Amino acid sequence: MNVESGQLYHVYNRGNNRQRLFFRPENYLYFLRKLRKHLLPTCDLLAYCLMPNHFHFLIATFDENSPSGVDNAYGSDVFRINQAIAVILRSYTRAINIQECRTGSLLQQETKAKWLDKNQYVAACLHYIHQNPMRASLSERLEDWPYSSYLDYAGLRNGTLCNQQVARLVLPVDFDNFLDESFQVIDPDLLKELRFS
């Protein structure tokens, strides 16, 4: 995964052969605890959605001049993001392999990180991430899927995983009209960019 400091990225991965990643509700919660412990010290998580066979994150990497972005004994924050994701995915795979009495890799080998270089793409990405459960017919309404940050942005849950303060500063989204914007139809050309490649 190639990332640079002070940038926005759409990060995603899915199960090998599109197999399931999450088998029980507690699997989702375990994965979210791993995110909090390992990923949050390395970047700002702005949005997420965990789906049965894949996940999406919208992250802001720390600016190298910010106090959060200072190099430490483990190297730069950019290196630490890659290490954090590797730790999360390896430890999660170990836990699922034990739970499901299976062996081998659970996820595709490479986690992707798409740099968000267009304002329109950034806003569309946030809504695309939150709309995933409805697009996959897993829920009829965005607020019915508990494993995404939509509930936090909609004011329906007091989650602290996403840094909403940073999101409001860097994302070109009208948060005063967030509920209405959340249901916008995403331009088909942008939708192609947002999907797995």
C-alpha atoms as a PDB file:
ATOM      1  CA  MET A   1       0.000   0.000   0.000  1.00  0.00           C
ATOM      2  CA  ASN A   2       1.555   3.289  -1.064  1.00  0.00           C
ATOM      3  CA  VAL A   3       0.544   6.347   0.940  1.00  0.00           C
ATOM      4  CA  GLU A   4       2.075   9.762   1.544  1.00  0.00           C
ATOM      5  CA  SER A   5       1.721  12.134   4.467  1.00  0.00           C
ATOM      6  CA  GLY A   6      -0.953  14.805   4.504  1.00  0.00           C
ATOM      7  CA  GLN A   7      -3.275  13.076   1.993  1.00  0.00           C
ATOM      8  CA  LEU A   8      -6.692  11.415   1.815  1.00  0.00           C
ATOM      9  CA  TYR A   9      -7.070   7.764   0.798  1.00  0.00           C
ATOM     10  CA  HIS A  10      -9.813   5.254   0.133  1.00  0.00           C
ATOM     11  CA  VAL A  11      -8.455   2.021   1.631  1.00  0.00           C
ATOM     12  CA  TYR A  12     -10.100  -1.314   0.927  1.00  0.00           C
ATOM     13  CA  ASN A  13      -9.635  -5.059   0.768  1.00  0.00           C
ATOM     14  CA  ARG A  14     -11.841  -8.129   0.455  1.00  0.00           C
ATOM     15  CA  GLY A  15     -11.838 -11.822   1.200  1.00  0.00           C
ATOM     16  CA  ASN A  16      -9.851 -14.189  -0.992  1.00  0.00           C
ATOM     17  CA  ASN A  17     -12.152 -15.383  -3.755  1.00  0.00           C
ATOM     18  CA  ARG A  18     -14.676 -12.938  -2.300  1.00  0.00           C
ATOM     19  CA  GLN A  19     -15.150 -15.219   0.711  1.00  0.00           C
ATOM     20  CA  ARG A  20     -16.655 -13.977   3.959  1.00  0.00           C
ATOM     21  CA  LEU A  21     -14.534 -12.015   6.417  1.00  0.00           C
ATOM     22  CA  PHE A  22     -17.109 -11.573   9.156  1.00  0.00           C
ATOM     23  CA  PHE A  23     -19.155 -14.540  10.347  1.00  0.00           C
ATOM     24  CA  ARG A  24     -20.717 -13.252  13.564  1.00  0.00           C
ATOM     25  CA  PRO A  25     -21.577  -9.822  14.983  1.00  0.00           C
ATOM     26  CA  GLU A  26     -18.689 -10.103  17.446  1.00  0.00           C
ATOM     27  CA  ASN A  27     -16.262 -10.487  14.505  1.00  0.00           C
ATOM     28  CA  TYR A  28     -17.142  -6.990  13.297  1.00  0.00           C
ATOM     29  CA  LEU A  29     -16.668  -5.591  16.797  1.00  0.00           C
ATOM     30  CA  TYR A  30     -13.328  -7.375  17.230  1.00  0.00           C
ATOM     31  CA  PHE A  31     -12.113  -5.903  13.921  1.00  0.00           C
ATOM     32  CA  LEU A  32     -13.196  -2.404  14.992  1.00  0.00           C
ATOM     33  CA  ARG A  33     -11.290  -2.787  18.283  1.00  0.00           C
ATOM     34  CA  LYS A  34      -8.209  -3.738  16.239  1.00  0.00           C
ATOM     35  CA  LEU A  35      -8.665  -0.573  14.162  1.00  0.00           C
ATOM     36  CA  ARG A  36      -8.852   1.574  17.267  1.00  0.00           C
ATOM     37  CA  LYS A  37      -5.760   0.011  18.802  1.00  0.00           C
ATOM     38  CA  HIS A  38      -3.481  -0.191  15.769  1.00  0.00           C
ATOM     39  CA  LEU A  39      -4.667   2.180  13.024  1.00  0.00           C
ATOM     40  CA  LEU A  40      -5.795   5.270  14.936  1.00  0.00           C
ATOM     41  CA  PRO A  41      -2.321   6.092  16.283  1.00  0.00           C
ATOM     42  CA  THR A  42      -1.050   6.261  12.672  1.00  0.00           C
ATOM     43  CA  CYS A  43      -3.722   8.293  10.824  1.00  0.00           C
ATOM     44  CA  ASP A  44      -7.195   9.789  11.142  1.00  0.00           C
ATOM     45  CA  LEU A  45     -10.007   7.427  10.256  1.00  0.00           C
ATOM     46  CA  LEU A  46     -12.712   9.572   8.647  1.00  0.00           C
ATOM     47  CA  ALA A  47     -15.201   6.893   7.576  1.00  0.00           C
ATOM     48  CA  TYR A  48     -15.544   3.130   7.444  1.00  0.00           C
ATOM     49  CA  CYS A  49     -17.877   0.355   6.437  1.00  0.00           C
ATOM     50  CA  LEU A  50     -17.378  -3.325   7.213  1.00  0.00           C
ATOM     51  CA  MET A  51     -19.248  -5.626   4.861  1.00  0.00           C
ATOM     52  CA  PRO A  52     -19.533  -9.419   5.122  1.00  0.00           C
ATOM     53  CA  ASN A  53     -16.734  -9.988   2.581  1.00  0.00           C
ATOM     54  CA  HIS A  54     -14.862  -6.658   2.370  1.00  0.00           C
ATOM     55  CA  PHE A  55     -14.143  -3.366   4.094  1.00  0.00           C
ATOM     56  CA  HIS A  56     -13.699   0.290   3.195  1.00  0.00           C
ATOM     57  CA  PHE A  57     -11.904   3.067   5.086  1.00  0.00           C
ATOM     58  CA  LEU A  58     -11.500   6.738   4.289  1.00  0.00           C
ATOM     59  CA  ILE A  59      -8.326   7.925   6.004  1.00  0.00           C
ATOM     60  CA  ALA A  60      -6.357  11.146   6.302  1.00  0.00           C
ATOM     61  CA  THR A  61      -2.645  10.570   6.759  1.00  0.00           C
ATOM     62  CA  PHE A  62      -0.954  12.843   9.252  1.00  0.00           C
ATOM     63  CA  ASP A  63       0.957  15.795   7.869  1.00  0.00           C
ATOM     64  CA  GLU A  64       4.642  15.256   8.611  1.00  0.00           C
ATOM     65  CA  ASN A  65       4.757  18.732  10.227  1.00  0.00           C
ATOM     66  CA  SER A  66       1.920  18.050  12.657  1.00  0.00           C
ATOM     67  CA  PRO A  67       2.591  16.780  16.193  1.00  0.00           C
ATOM     68  CA  SER A  68       0.829  13.525  15.286  1.00  0.00           C
ATOM     69  CA  GLY A  69       3.075  13.040  12.295  1.00  0.00           C
ATOM     70  CA  VAL A  70       6.419  13.143  14.065  1.00  0.00           C
ATOM     71  CA  ASP A  71       8.686  10.201  13.303  1.00  0.00           C
ATOM     72  CA  ASN A  72       9.202   7.805  16.159  1.00  0.00           C
ATOM     73  CA  ALA A  73      11.281   4.732  16.934  1.00  0.00           C
ATOM     74  CA  TYR A  74       9.216   2.698  14.445  1.00  0.00           C
ATOM     75  CA  GLY A  75       9.801   5.084  11.562  1.00  0.00           C
ATOM     76  CA  SER A  76       7.510   7.496   9.742  1.00  0.00           C
ATOM     77  CA  ASP A  77       3.738   7.498  10.125  1.00  0.00           C
ATOM     78  CA  VAL A  78       3.441   6.375   6.502  1.00  0.00           C
ATOM     79  CA  PHE A  79       5.413   3.229   7.342  1.00  0.00           C
ATOM     80  CA  ARG A  80       3.385   2.819  10.525  1.00  0.00           C
ATOM     81  CA  ILE A  81       0.084   2.858   8.583  1.00  0.00           C
ATOM     82  CA  ASN A  82       1.239  -0.083   6.488  1.00  0.00           C
ATOM     83  CA  GLN A  83       2.483  -1.885   9.584  1.00  0.00           C
ATOM     84  CA  ALA A  84      -0.758  -1.215  11.459  1.00  0.00           C
ATOM     85  CA  ILE A  85      -2.929  -2.579   8.651  1.00  0.00           C
ATOM     86  CA  ALA A  86      -0.679  -5.633   8.353  1.00  0.00           C
ATOM     87  CA  VAL A  87      -0.977  -6.304  12.100  1.00  0.00           C
ATOM     88  CA  ILE A  88      -4.765  -5.847  12.031  1.00  0.00           C
ATOM     89  CA  LEU A  89      -5.259  -8.204   9.100  1.00  0.00           C
ATOM     90  CA  ARG A  90      -2.814 -10.884  10.317  1.00  0.00           C
ATOM     91  CA  SER A  91      -4.210 -10.987  13.834  1.00  0.00           C
ATOM     92  CA  TYR A  92      -7.791 -10.908  12.584  1.00  0.00           C
ATOM     93  CA  THR A  93      -7.072 -13.764  10.160  1.00  0.00           C
ATOM     94  CA  ARG A  94      -5.530 -15.820  12.993  1.00  0.00           C
ATOM     95  CA  ALA A  95      -8.610 -15.287  15.151  1.00  0.00           C
ATOM     96  CA  ILE A  96     -11.034 -16.219  12.345  1.00  0.00           C
ATOM     97  CA  ASN A  97      -8.979 -19.262  11.390  1.00  0.00           C
ATOM     98  CA  ILE A  98      -9.257 -20.503  14.976  1.00  0.00           C
ATOM     99  CA  GLN A  99     -12.955 -19.668  15.210  1.00  0.00           C
ATOM    100  CA  GLU A 100     -13.861 -21.254  11.869  1.00  0.00           C
ATOM    101  CA  CYS A 101     -11.395 -24.183  12.055  1.00  0.00           C
ATOM    102  CA  ARG A 102      -9.733 -23.116   8.823  1.00  0.00           C
ATOM    103  CA  THR A 103      -6.214 -22.389   7.587  1.00  0.00           C
ATOM    104  CA  GLY A 104      -4.615 -20.048   5.093  1.00  0.00           C
ATOM    105  CA  SER A 105      -5.098 -16.441   4.126  1.00  0.00           C
ATOM    106  CA  LEU A 106      -8.462 -14.824   4.596  1.00  0.00           C
ATOM    107  CA  LEU A 107      -7.961 -11.625   2.596  1.00  0.00           C
ATOM    108  CA  GLN A 108      -6.550 -10.732  -0.772  1.00  0.00           C
ATOM    109  CA  GLN A 109      -2.826 -10.273  -0.592  1.00  0.00           C
ATOM    110  CA  GLU A 110      -2.722  -6.520  -1.194  1.00  0.00           C
ATOM    111  CA  THR A 111      -4.771  -3.902   0.601  1.00  0.00           C
ATOM    112  CA  LYS A 112      -5.428  -1.054  -1.848  1.00  0.00           C
ATOM    113  CA  ALA A 113      -5.169   2.650  -1.113  1.00  0.00           C
ATOM    114  CA  LYS A 114      -6.559   5.030  -3.746  1.00  0.00           C
ATOM    115  CA  TRP A 115      -5.393   8.601  -3.424  1.00  0.00           C
ATOM    116  CA  LEU A 116      -8.339  10.998  -3.411  1.00  0.00           C
ATOM    117  CA  ASP A 117      -7.293  13.818  -5.684  1.00  0.00           C
ATOM    118  CA  LYS A 118     -10.627  15.328  -6.718  1.00  0.00           C
ATOM    119  CA  ASN A 119     -13.085  17.089  -4.416  1.00  0.00           C
ATOM    120  CA  GLN A 120     -16.029  15.469  -6.170  1.00  0.00           C
ATOM    121  CA  TYR A 121     -14.415  12.058  -5.755  1.00  0.00           C
ATOM    122  CA  VAL A 122     -13.799  12.648  -2.029  1.00  0.00           C
ATOM    123  CA  ALA A 123     -17.431  13.508  -1.274  1.00  0.00           C
ATOM    124  CA  ALA A 124     -18.663  10.656  -3.477  1.00  0.00           C
ATOM    125  CA  CYS A 125     -16.291   8.267  -1.702  1.00  0.00           C
ATOM    126  CA  LEU A 126     -17.703   9.128   1.725  1.00  0.00           C
ATOM    127  CA  HIS A 127     -21.257   8.495   0.534  1.00  0.00           C
ATOM    128  CA  TYR A 128     -20.265   5.393  -1.435  1.00  0.00           C
ATOM    129  CA  ILE A 129     -18.682   3.871   1.681  1.00  0.00           C
ATOM    130  CA  HIS A 130     -21.860   4.481   3.684  1.00  0.00           C
ATOM    131  CA  GLN A 131     -24.194   3.324   0.880  1.00  0.00           C
ATOM    132  CA  ASN A 132     -22.465  -0.063   0.510  1.00  0.00           C
ATOM    133  CA  PRO A 133     -24.934  -2.051   2.668  1.00  0.00           C
ATOM    134  CA  MET A 134     -27.919  -0.727   0.699  1.00  0.00           C
ATOM    135  CA  ARG A 135     -26.217  -1.366  -2.646  1.00  0.00           C
ATOM    136  CA  ALA A 136     -25.607  -4.962  -1.537  1.00  0.00           C
ATOM    137  CA  SER A 137     -29.221  -5.323  -0.282  1.00  0.00           C
ATOM    138  CA  LEU A 138     -28.036  -5.956   3.276  1.00  0.00           C
ATOM    139  CA  SER A 139     -30.183  -3.157   4.644  1.00  0.00           C
ATOM    140  CA  GLU A 140     -33.085  -1.092   3.397  1.00  0.00           C
ATOM    141  CA  ARG A 141     -31.862   2.083   5.088  1.00  0.00           C
ATOM    142  CA  LEU A 142     -28.377   3.431   5.789  1.00  0.00           C
ATOM    143  CA  GLU A 143     -29.129   3.626   9.506  1.00  0.00           C
ATOM    144  CA  ASP A 144     -29.940  -0.102   9.654  1.00  0.00           C
ATOM    145  CA  TRP A 145     -26.315  -1.211   9.109  1.00  0.00           C
ATOM    146  CA  PRO A 146     -24.442  -1.003  12.433  1.00  0.00           C
ATOM    147  CA  TYR A 147     -20.935  -1.610  11.033  1.00  0.00           C
ATOM    148  CA  SER A 148     -20.336   1.732   9.358  1.00  0.00           C
ATOM    149  CA  SER A 149     -19.625   5.277  10.463  1.00  0.00           C
ATOM    150  CA  TYR A 150     -22.895   6.534   8.969  1.00  0.00           C
ATOM    151  CA  LEU A 151     -24.672   6.300  12.334  1.00  0.00           C
ATOM    152  CA  ASP A 152     -22.049   8.546  13.918  1.00  0.00           C
ATOM    153  CA  TYR A 153     -22.258  11.234  11.222  1.00  0.00           C
ATOM    154  CA  ALA A 154     -26.057  11.070  11.266  1.00  0.00           C
ATOM    155  CA  GLY A 155     -26.034  11.732  15.026  1.00  0.00           C
ATOM    156  CA  LEU A 156     -27.638   8.357  15.798  1.00  0.00           C
ATOM    157  CA  ARG A 157     -24.648   6.998  17.738  1.00  0.00           C
ATOM    158  CA  ASN A 158     -21.876   8.655  19.736  1.00  0.00           C
ATOM    159  CA  GLY A 159     -19.005   6.723  18.165  1.00  0.00           C
ATOM    160  CA  THR A 160     -15.454   7.923  18.623  1.00  0.00           C
ATOM    161  CA  LEU A 161     -13.646   5.775  16.060  1.00  0.00           C
ATOM    162  CA  CYS A 162     -13.822   8.387  13.295  1.00  0.00           C
ATOM    163  CA  ASN A 163     -12.299  11.808  13.732  1.00  0.00           C
ATOM    164  CA  GLN A 164     -15.317  13.865  12.727  1.00  0.00           C
ATOM    165  CA  GLN A 165     -13.550  17.110  13.594  1.00  0.00           C
ATOM    166  CA  VAL A 166     -10.877  16.452  10.958  1.00  0.00           C
ATOM    167  CA  ALA A 167     -13.518  15.176   8.519  1.00  0.00           C
ATOM    168  CA  ARG A 168     -15.415  18.445   8.787  1.00  0.00           C
ATOM    169  CA  LEU A 169     -12.219  20.354   8.042  1.00  0.00           C
ATOM    170  CA  VAL A 170     -10.916  18.353   5.083  1.00  0.00           C
ATOM    171  CA  LEU A 171     -13.898  16.732   3.366  1.00  0.00           C
ATOM    172  CA  PRO A 172     -15.873  18.779   0.807  1.00  0.00           C
ATOM    173  CA  VAL A 173     -19.185  17.682   2.291  1.00  0.00           C
ATOM    174  CA  ASP A 174     -22.029  19.891   3.512  1.00  0.00           C
ATOM    175  CA  PHE A 175     -22.324  18.322   6.964  1.00  0.00           C
ATOM    176  CA  ASP A 176     -25.298  20.563   7.797  1.00  0.00           C
ATOM    177  CA  ASN A 177     -27.191  18.667   5.089  1.00  0.00           C
ATOM    178  CA  PHE A 178     -25.434  15.334   5.632  1.00  0.00           C
ATOM    179  CA  LEU A 179     -28.610  13.242   5.835  1.00  0.00           C
ATOM    180  CA  ASP A 180     -29.897  14.547   2.496  1.00  0.00           C
ATOM    181  CA  GLU A 181     -26.496  14.273   0.805  1.00  0.00           C
ATOM    182  CA  SER A 182     -26.045  10.704   2.061  1.00  0.00           C
ATOM    183  CA  PHE A 183     -28.727   9.476  -0.320  1.00  0.00           C
ATOM    184  CA  GLN A 184     -27.402  11.245  -3.395  1.00  0.00           C
ATOM    185  CA  VAL A 185     -27.050   9.213  -6.543  1.00  0.00           C
ATOM    186  CA  ILE A 186     -23.355   8.866  -7.288  1.00  0.00           C
ATOM    187  CA  ASP A 187     -22.307   9.717 -10.845  1.00  0.00           C
ATOM    188  CA  PRO A 188     -21.778   6.419 -12.756  1.00  0.00           C
ATOM    189  CA  ASP A 189     -18.273   7.489 -13.869  1.00  0.00           C
ATOM    190  CA  LEU A 190     -17.276   8.213 -10.265  1.00  0.00           C
ATOM    191  CA  LEU A 191     -18.862   4.949  -9.183  1.00  0.00           C
ATOM    192  CA  LYS A 192     -16.503   3.051 -11.514  1.00  0.00           C
ATOM    193  CA  GLU A 193     -13.564   4.780  -9.835  1.00  0.00           C
ATOM    194  CA  LEU A 194     -14.824   3.864  -6.375  1.00  0.00           C
ATOM    195  CA  ARG A 195     -15.376   0.157  -6.962  1.00  0.00           C
ATOM    196  CA  PHE A 196     -12.779  -2.553  -6.471  1.00  0.00           C
ATOM    197  CA  SER A 197     -10.267  -2.829  -9.270  1.00  0.00           C
END
